[in-house]
Amino acid sequence: MEEPEAPQEYVVFPEEAIKYLPEEWQQHLYALKEEGQGVLEAADDNLKILNRLVHAFPTMASLRYIQHRLASTKFEASMAALSILAIKILHAANTFGTRVITPN
């Protein structure tokens, strides 16, 4: 059986203190810092993508609802029917807080 790894200990000290360390240690610490920044940049990109996806979900839900309502609506090609359809679209969009741009 493998033994669980002991938790790593982290030491935090100001960057200004590095200049008092031996040159060899300074180089090692700066290399670790650069490596950590690279990892954080990659994680930041992934988090930005995830954030965009999370914010898109409510819009997708409202668009699916609108599509369902439109697909289940009986429609005849007349001006009265078009007016009623436009009102239903605006009502469905407003139900979910979706911004609808109307022509002037």
C-alpha atoms as a PDB file:
ATOM      1  CA  MET A   1       0.000   0.000   0.000  1.00  0.00           C
ATOM      2  CA  GLU A   2       1.147   3.489  -0.787  1.00  0.00           C
ATOM      3  CA  GLU A   3       1.415   5.908   2.049  1.00  0.00           C
ATOM      4  CA  PRO A   4      -0.358   9.218   1.572  1.00  0.00           C
ATOM      5  CA  GLU A   5       1.924  12.105   0.787  1.00  0.00           C
ATOM      6  CA  ALA A   6       2.638  14.484   3.603  1.00  0.00           C
ATOM      7  CA  PRO A   7       1.225  17.944   2.921  1.00  0.00           C
ATOM      8  CA  GLN A   8       3.780  20.345   1.521  1.00  0.00           C
ATOM      9  CA  GLU A   9       4.754  23.312   3.591  1.00  0.00           C
ATOM     10  CA  TYR A  10       4.845  26.698   1.950  1.00  0.00           C
ATOM     11  CA  VAL A  11       7.114  29.489   3.029  1.00  0.00           C
ATOM     12  CA  VAL A  12       6.039  33.013   2.203  1.00  0.00           C
ATOM     13  CA  PHE A  13       8.449  35.923   2.402  1.00  0.00           C
ATOM     14  CA  PRO A  14       8.677  39.265   0.639  1.00  0.00           C
ATOM     15  CA  GLU A  15      10.404  39.435  -2.721  1.00  0.00           C
ATOM     16  CA  GLU A  16      12.695  42.134  -1.355  1.00  0.00           C
ATOM     17  CA  ALA A  17      14.227  39.512   0.973  1.00  0.00           C
ATOM     18  CA  ILE A  18      15.479  37.452  -1.981  1.00  0.00           C
ATOM     19  CA  LYS A  19      18.326  39.872  -2.649  1.00  0.00           C
ATOM     20  CA  TYR A  20      19.884  38.912   0.704  1.00  0.00           C
ATOM     21  CA  LEU A  21      20.081  35.223  -0.237  1.00  0.00           C
ATOM     22  CA  PRO A  22      23.016  33.612  -2.045  1.00  0.00           C
ATOM     23  CA  GLU A  23      23.020  34.053  -5.858  1.00  0.00           C
ATOM     24  CA  GLU A  24      22.337  30.352  -6.427  1.00  0.00           C
ATOM     25  CA  TRP A  25      19.196  30.474  -4.263  1.00  0.00           C
ATOM     26  CA  GLN A  26      18.027  33.671  -5.946  1.00  0.00           C
ATOM     27  CA  GLN A  27      18.223  32.067  -9.376  1.00  0.00           C
ATOM     28  CA  HIS A  28      16.326  29.014  -8.147  1.00  0.00           C
ATOM     29  CA  LEU A  29      13.583  31.105  -6.542  1.00  0.00           C
ATOM     30  CA  TYR A  30      13.176  33.296  -9.628  1.00  0.00           C
ATOM     31  CA  ALA A  31      12.954  30.170 -11.792  1.00  0.00           C
ATOM     32  CA  LEU A  32      10.220  28.795  -9.510  1.00  0.00           C
ATOM     33  CA  LYS A  33       8.427  32.135  -9.682  1.00  0.00           C
ATOM     34  CA  GLU A  34       8.475  32.156 -13.506  1.00  0.00           C
ATOM     35  CA  GLU A  35       7.247  28.558 -13.630  1.00  0.00           C
ATOM     36  CA  GLY A  36       4.403  29.387 -11.234  1.00  0.00           C
ATOM     37  CA  GLN A  37       3.420  32.432 -13.276  1.00  0.00           C
ATOM     38  CA  GLY A  38       3.231  30.273 -16.408  1.00  0.00           C
ATOM     39  CA  VAL A  39       0.938  27.800 -14.653  1.00  0.00           C
ATOM     40  CA  LEU A  40      -1.263  30.626 -13.359  1.00  0.00           C
ATOM     41  CA  GLU A  41      -1.529  32.186 -16.833  1.00  0.00           C
ATOM     42  CA  ALA A  42      -2.711  28.875 -18.292  1.00  0.00           C
ATOM     43  CA  ALA A  43      -5.217  28.421 -15.475  1.00  0.00           C
ATOM     44  CA  ASP A  44      -6.397  32.018 -15.919  1.00  0.00           C
ATOM     45  CA  ASP A  45      -7.130  31.388 -19.607  1.00  0.00           C
ATOM     46  CA  ASN A  46      -9.143  28.289 -18.719  1.00  0.00           C
ATOM     47  CA  LEU A  47     -11.057  30.157 -16.015  1.00  0.00           C
ATOM     48  CA  LYS A  48     -11.920  32.943 -18.463  1.00  0.00           C
ATOM     49  CA  ILE A  49     -13.320  30.387 -20.920  1.00  0.00           C
ATOM     50  CA  LEU A  50     -15.305  28.716 -18.144  1.00  0.00           C
ATOM     51  CA  ASN A  51     -16.646  32.093 -17.015  1.00  0.00           C
ATOM     52  CA  ARG A  52     -17.862  32.876 -20.545  1.00  0.00           C
ATOM     53  CA  LEU A  53     -19.553  29.475 -20.708  1.00  0.00           C
ATOM     54  CA  VAL A  54     -21.291  29.978 -17.363  1.00  0.00           C
ATOM     55  CA  HIS A  55     -22.571  33.394 -18.433  1.00  0.00           C
ATOM     56  CA  ALA A  56     -23.844  31.966 -21.741  1.00  0.00           C
ATOM     57  CA  PHE A  57     -25.953  29.272 -20.045  1.00  0.00           C
ATOM     58  CA  PRO A  58     -28.923  31.491 -19.032  1.00  0.00           C
ATOM     59  CA  THR A  59     -29.065  32.951 -22.542  1.00  0.00           C
ATOM     60  CA  MET A  60     -29.109  29.462 -24.043  1.00  0.00           C
ATOM     61  CA  ALA A  61     -31.923  28.431 -21.701  1.00  0.00           C
ATOM     62  CA  SER A  62     -34.033  31.436 -22.664  1.00  0.00           C
ATOM     63  CA  LEU A  63     -33.347  30.907 -26.375  1.00  0.00           C
ATOM     64  CA  ARG A  64     -34.384  27.254 -26.088  1.00  0.00           C
ATOM     65  CA  TYR A  65     -37.593  28.306 -24.360  1.00  0.00           C
ATOM     66  CA  ILE A  66     -38.294  30.881 -27.068  1.00  0.00           C
ATOM     67  CA  GLN A  67     -37.561  28.318 -29.795  1.00  0.00           C
ATOM     68  CA  HIS A  68     -39.905  25.812 -28.129  1.00  0.00           C
ATOM     69  CA  ARG A  69     -42.674  28.393 -27.863  1.00  0.00           C
ATOM     70  CA  LEU A  70     -42.225  29.413 -31.508  1.00  0.00           C
ATOM     71  CA  ALA A  71     -42.136  25.816 -32.719  1.00  0.00           C
ATOM     72  CA  SER A  72     -45.363  24.978 -30.890  1.00  0.00           C
ATOM     73  CA  THR A  73     -47.228  28.084 -32.099  1.00  0.00           C
ATOM     74  CA  LYS A  74     -49.747  27.707 -34.897  1.00  0.00           C
ATOM     75  CA  PHE A  75     -48.987  30.309 -37.539  1.00  0.00           C
ATOM     76  CA  GLU A  76     -50.798  31.755 -40.498  1.00  0.00           C
ATOM     77  CA  ALA A  77     -49.235  34.314 -42.820  1.00  0.00           C
ATOM     78  CA  SER A  78     -51.208  37.503 -42.139  1.00  0.00           C
ATOM     79  CA  MET A  79     -50.345  40.895 -40.657  1.00  0.00           C
ATOM     80  CA  ALA A  80     -52.452  40.190 -37.555  1.00  0.00           C
ATOM     81  CA  ALA A  81     -50.688  36.863 -37.039  1.00  0.00           C
ATOM     82  CA  LEU A  82     -47.258  38.512 -37.477  1.00  0.00           C
ATOM     83  CA  SER A  83     -48.162  41.154 -34.880  1.00  0.00           C
ATOM     84  CA  ILE A  84     -49.273  38.494 -32.399  1.00  0.00           C
ATOM     85  CA  LEU A  85     -46.115  36.469 -33.072  1.00  0.00           C
ATOM     86  CA  ALA A  86     -43.914  39.531 -32.499  1.00  0.00           C
ATOM     87  CA  ILE A  87     -45.685  40.224 -29.196  1.00  0.00           C
ATOM     88  CA  LYS A  88     -45.170  36.593 -28.106  1.00  0.00           C
ATOM     89  CA  ILE A  89     -41.470  36.776 -28.985  1.00  0.00           C
ATOM     90  CA  LEU A  90     -41.006  39.993 -27.000  1.00  0.00           C
ATOM     91  CA  HIS A  91     -42.960  38.587 -24.056  1.00  0.00           C
ATOM     92  CA  ALA A  92     -40.914  35.370 -24.016  1.00  0.00           C
ATOM     93  CA  ALA A  93     -37.666  37.314 -24.241  1.00  0.00           C
ATOM     94  CA  ASN A  94     -38.697  39.703 -21.452  1.00  0.00           C
ATOM     95  CA  THR A  95     -39.693  36.763 -19.257  1.00  0.00           C
ATOM     96  CA  PHE A  96     -36.044  35.740 -19.108  1.00  0.00           C
ATOM     97  CA  GLY A  97     -34.589  39.229 -19.180  1.00  0.00           C
ATOM     98  CA  THR A  98     -33.155  38.766 -22.670  1.00  0.00           C
ATOM     99  CA  ARG A  99     -32.431  42.034 -24.396  1.00  0.00           C
ATOM    100  CA  VAL A 100     -34.352  42.344 -27.658  1.00  0.00           C
ATOM    101  CA  ILE A 101     -33.482  45.048 -30.173  1.00  0.00           C
ATOM    102  CA  THR A 102     -36.535  46.299 -32.051  1.00  0.00           C
ATOM    103  CA  PRO A 103     -36.431  48.240 -35.325  1.00  0.00           C
ATOM    104  CA  ASN A 104     -37.146  51.983 -35.189  1.00  0.00           C
END
